[in-house]
């Protein structure tokens, strides 16, 4: 998947980078994502919050640590439908 496609449906550069990282890495901590994407943790948390609100990322806790997981790319269709409704 290409970052430019994600940006067309409203993702920022950082949120697109994090979503794609989650798809390739699987369940990941904020620290791991921040290092992989070369972002600071605060920025990573902000992007993850937006991704969770958009319902394309979820999280779970394991041993007092949060792990984030990308939802299947089919969930992106919901974002596209919302954009279409807004434009109508």
Protein backbone atom coordinates (compact mmCIF):
# COMPACT_ATOMS: atom_id res chain seq x y z
CA UNK A 1 0.00 0.00 0.00
CA UNK A 2 1.23 3.47 -0.86
CA UNK A 3 1.34 6.47 1.50
CA UNK A 4 -0.11 8.71 -1.23
CA UNK A 5 -3.30 6.62 -1.29
CA UNK A 6 -3.72 6.99 2.45
CA UNK A 7 -3.09 10.73 2.25
CA UNK A 8 -5.87 11.06 -0.34
CA UNK A 9 -8.39 9.78 2.21
CA UNK A 10 -7.25 12.09 4.99
CA UNK A 11 -4.22 10.50 6.63
CA UNK A 12 -1.30 12.75 7.56
CA UNK A 13 2.22 11.68 6.57
CA UNK A 14 2.88 10.49 10.10
CA UNK A 15 -0.38 8.61 10.59
CA UNK A 16 0.06 6.91 7.20
CA UNK A 17 3.61 5.92 8.09
CA UNK A 18 2.47 4.48 11.43
CA UNK A 19 -0.48 2.59 9.91
CA UNK A 20 1.77 1.01 7.27
CA UNK A 21 4.34 0.15 9.95
CA UNK A 22 1.66 -1.61 11.99
CA UNK A 23 0.56 -3.58 8.95
CA UNK A 24 4.10 -4.82 8.38
CA UNK A 25 5.25 -5.21 12.01
CA UNK A 26 2.08 -6.55 13.57
CA UNK A 27 1.19 -5.69 17.21
CA UNK A 28 3.66 -3.06 18.40
CA UNK A 29 4.39 -0.82 21.35
CA UNK A 30 4.61 2.94 20.97
CA UNK A 31 8.35 2.79 21.53
CA UNK A 32 8.83 0.24 18.77
CA UNK A 33 6.64 2.22 16.36
CA UNK A 34 8.38 5.50 17.15
CA UNK A 35 11.79 3.96 16.54
CA UNK A 36 10.69 2.19 13.34
CA UNK A 37 9.06 5.35 11.93
CA UNK A 38 11.79 7.66 13.24
CA UNK A 39 9.29 9.80 15.16
CA UNK A 40 9.22 10.91 18.77
CA UNK A 41 6.80 9.11 21.08
CA UNK A 42 4.54 12.13 21.61
CA UNK A 43 3.97 12.46 17.87
CA UNK A 44 3.42 8.72 17.64
CA UNK A 45 0.77 8.85 20.40
CA UNK A 46 -1.01 11.73 18.63
CA UNK A 47 -1.09 9.85 15.33
CA UNK A 48 -2.27 6.66 17.05
CA UNK A 49 -5.09 8.59 18.72
CA UNK A 50 -6.30 9.82 15.32
CA UNK A 51 -5.97 6.31 13.86
CA UNK A 52 -8.02 4.88 16.74
CA UNK A 53 -10.71 7.53 16.28
CA UNK A 54 -10.80 6.58 12.60
CA UNK A 55 -11.28 2.92 13.63
CA UNK A 56 -8.28 1.63 11.67
CA UNK A 57 -6.12 0.89 14.73
CA UNK A 58 -6.99 -0.78 18.01
CA UNK A 59 -4.95 -1.66 21.07
CA UNK A 60 -4.72 -4.15 23.88
CA UNK A 61 -2.75 -4.34 27.10
CA UNK A 62 -0.32 -7.10 27.93
CA UNK A 63 1.89 -7.09 31.01
CA UNK A 64 1.07 -3.42 31.74
CA UNK A 65 2.12 -2.41 28.22
CA UNK A 66 -0.07 -1.18 25.38
CA UNK A 67 0.21 -2.84 22.00
CA UNK A 68 -1.33 -1.29 18.90
CA UNK A 69 -2.72 -3.30 16.00
CA UNK A 70 -3.74 -2.18 12.52
CA UNK A 71 -7.23 -3.21 11.51
CA UNK A 72 -7.63 -4.91 8.14
CA UNK A 73 -7.31 -2.46 5.23
CA UNK A 74 -10.97 -3.13 4.38
CA UNK A 75 -11.77 -0.72 7.26
CA UNK A 76 -10.43 2.07 5.03
CA UNK A 77 -13.59 1.74 2.96
CA UNK A 78 -15.52 3.17 5.92
CA UNK A 79 -13.35 6.28 5.87
CA UNK A 80 -13.94 6.65 2.14
CA UNK A 81 -17.71 6.30 2.63
CA UNK A 82 -17.65 8.98 5.34
CA UNK A 83 -15.74 11.33 3.04
CA UNK A 84 -18.27 10.70 0.25
CA UNK A 85 -21.16 11.48 2.62
CA UNK A 86 -19.48 14.70 3.73
CA UNK A 87 -19.05 15.78 0.12
CA UNK A 88 -22.65 14.99 -0.83
